[in-house]
Structures are given as C-alpha cells and as structure tokens.
C-alpha cells in the first residue's frame, strides 16, 4: 500500500480510483478461507452471524 501524506477526508481505504484498483488487485491475490485451511492455516473468525446462519 502506498505511503500517505494526506489523510482522506471520508476515512476511506483508498484516496482515489487508482489506489482503489491497486487494492482490488492485492485482494485478488489473497487466499480464500478454504485455501488457508488446506495450507494448515486458520482463517479470520466470523465477526457477525445472523440467526440460523452458520458457515
């Protein structure tokens, strides 16, 4: 991620469309939960669950 000198006014992750596209490319390279489990790693925990919904 680029070093920022200015703080975004809207508290967003990306300052502009170019940075948003770069973040999207970085996220595409992240492993899915299933891929992490196959590698013996633990995925991030579920933060919110709706009633009667389990993963």
Protein backbone atom coordinates (compact mmCIF):
# COMPACT_ATOMS: atom_id res chain seq x y z
CA UNK A 1 0.00 0.00 0.00
CA UNK A 2 1.24 3.47 -0.81
CA UNK A 3 2.57 5.72 1.90
CA UNK A 4 0.09 8.50 2.51
CA UNK A 5 0.94 12.08 3.32
CA UNK A 6 -2.66 13.30 3.32
CA UNK A 7 -5.43 11.90 5.46
CA UNK A 8 -8.55 11.11 3.41
CA UNK A 9 -11.50 13.33 4.26
CA UNK A 10 -14.00 10.47 4.08
CA UNK A 11 -11.96 7.91 6.08
CA UNK A 12 -11.94 5.52 3.13
CA UNK A 13 -9.23 2.97 2.44
CA UNK A 14 -8.40 4.48 -0.96
CA UNK A 15 -7.68 8.11 -1.78
CA UNK A 16 -8.53 7.81 -5.47
CA UNK A 17 -9.62 5.39 -8.18
CA UNK A 18 -6.05 4.35 -9.00
CA UNK A 19 -5.40 3.32 -5.40
CA UNK A 20 -8.77 1.51 -5.32
CA UNK A 21 -7.77 -0.51 -8.37
CA UNK A 22 -4.43 -1.39 -6.77
CA UNK A 23 -6.18 -2.54 -3.57
CA UNK A 24 -8.51 -4.69 -5.68
CA UNK A 25 -5.51 -6.38 -7.32
CA UNK A 26 -3.96 -7.04 -3.91
CA UNK A 27 -7.20 -8.57 -2.63
CA UNK A 28 -7.49 -10.87 -5.66
CA UNK A 29 -4.18 -12.44 -4.64
CA UNK A 30 -5.36 -13.25 -1.10
CA UNK A 31 -6.15 -16.88 -0.30
CA UNK A 32 -9.75 -17.86 0.42
CA UNK A 33 -10.70 -19.42 3.76
CA UNK A 34 -10.74 -22.88 2.17
CA UNK A 35 -7.28 -22.35 0.65
CA UNK A 36 -5.93 -21.23 4.03
CA UNK A 37 -7.39 -24.32 5.75
CA UNK A 38 -5.76 -26.61 3.13
CA UNK A 39 -2.42 -24.96 3.94
CA UNK A 40 -2.93 -25.67 7.63
CA UNK A 41 -3.58 -22.04 8.48
CA UNK A 42 -6.51 -20.59 10.38
CA UNK A 43 -8.76 -18.09 8.55
CA UNK A 44 -10.12 -14.97 10.18
CA UNK A 45 -13.03 -15.68 12.53
CA UNK A 46 -16.59 -14.82 11.57
CA UNK A 47 -17.37 -11.44 13.09
CA UNK A 48 -21.12 -11.36 12.72
CA UNK A 49 -23.58 -14.21 12.34
CA UNK A 50 -27.24 -13.85 11.57
CA UNK A 51 -29.76 -16.03 13.39
CA UNK A 52 -29.98 -19.57 11.96
CA UNK A 53 -26.92 -18.98 9.79
CA UNK A 54 -23.70 -20.96 10.15
CA UNK A 55 -20.72 -21.41 7.89
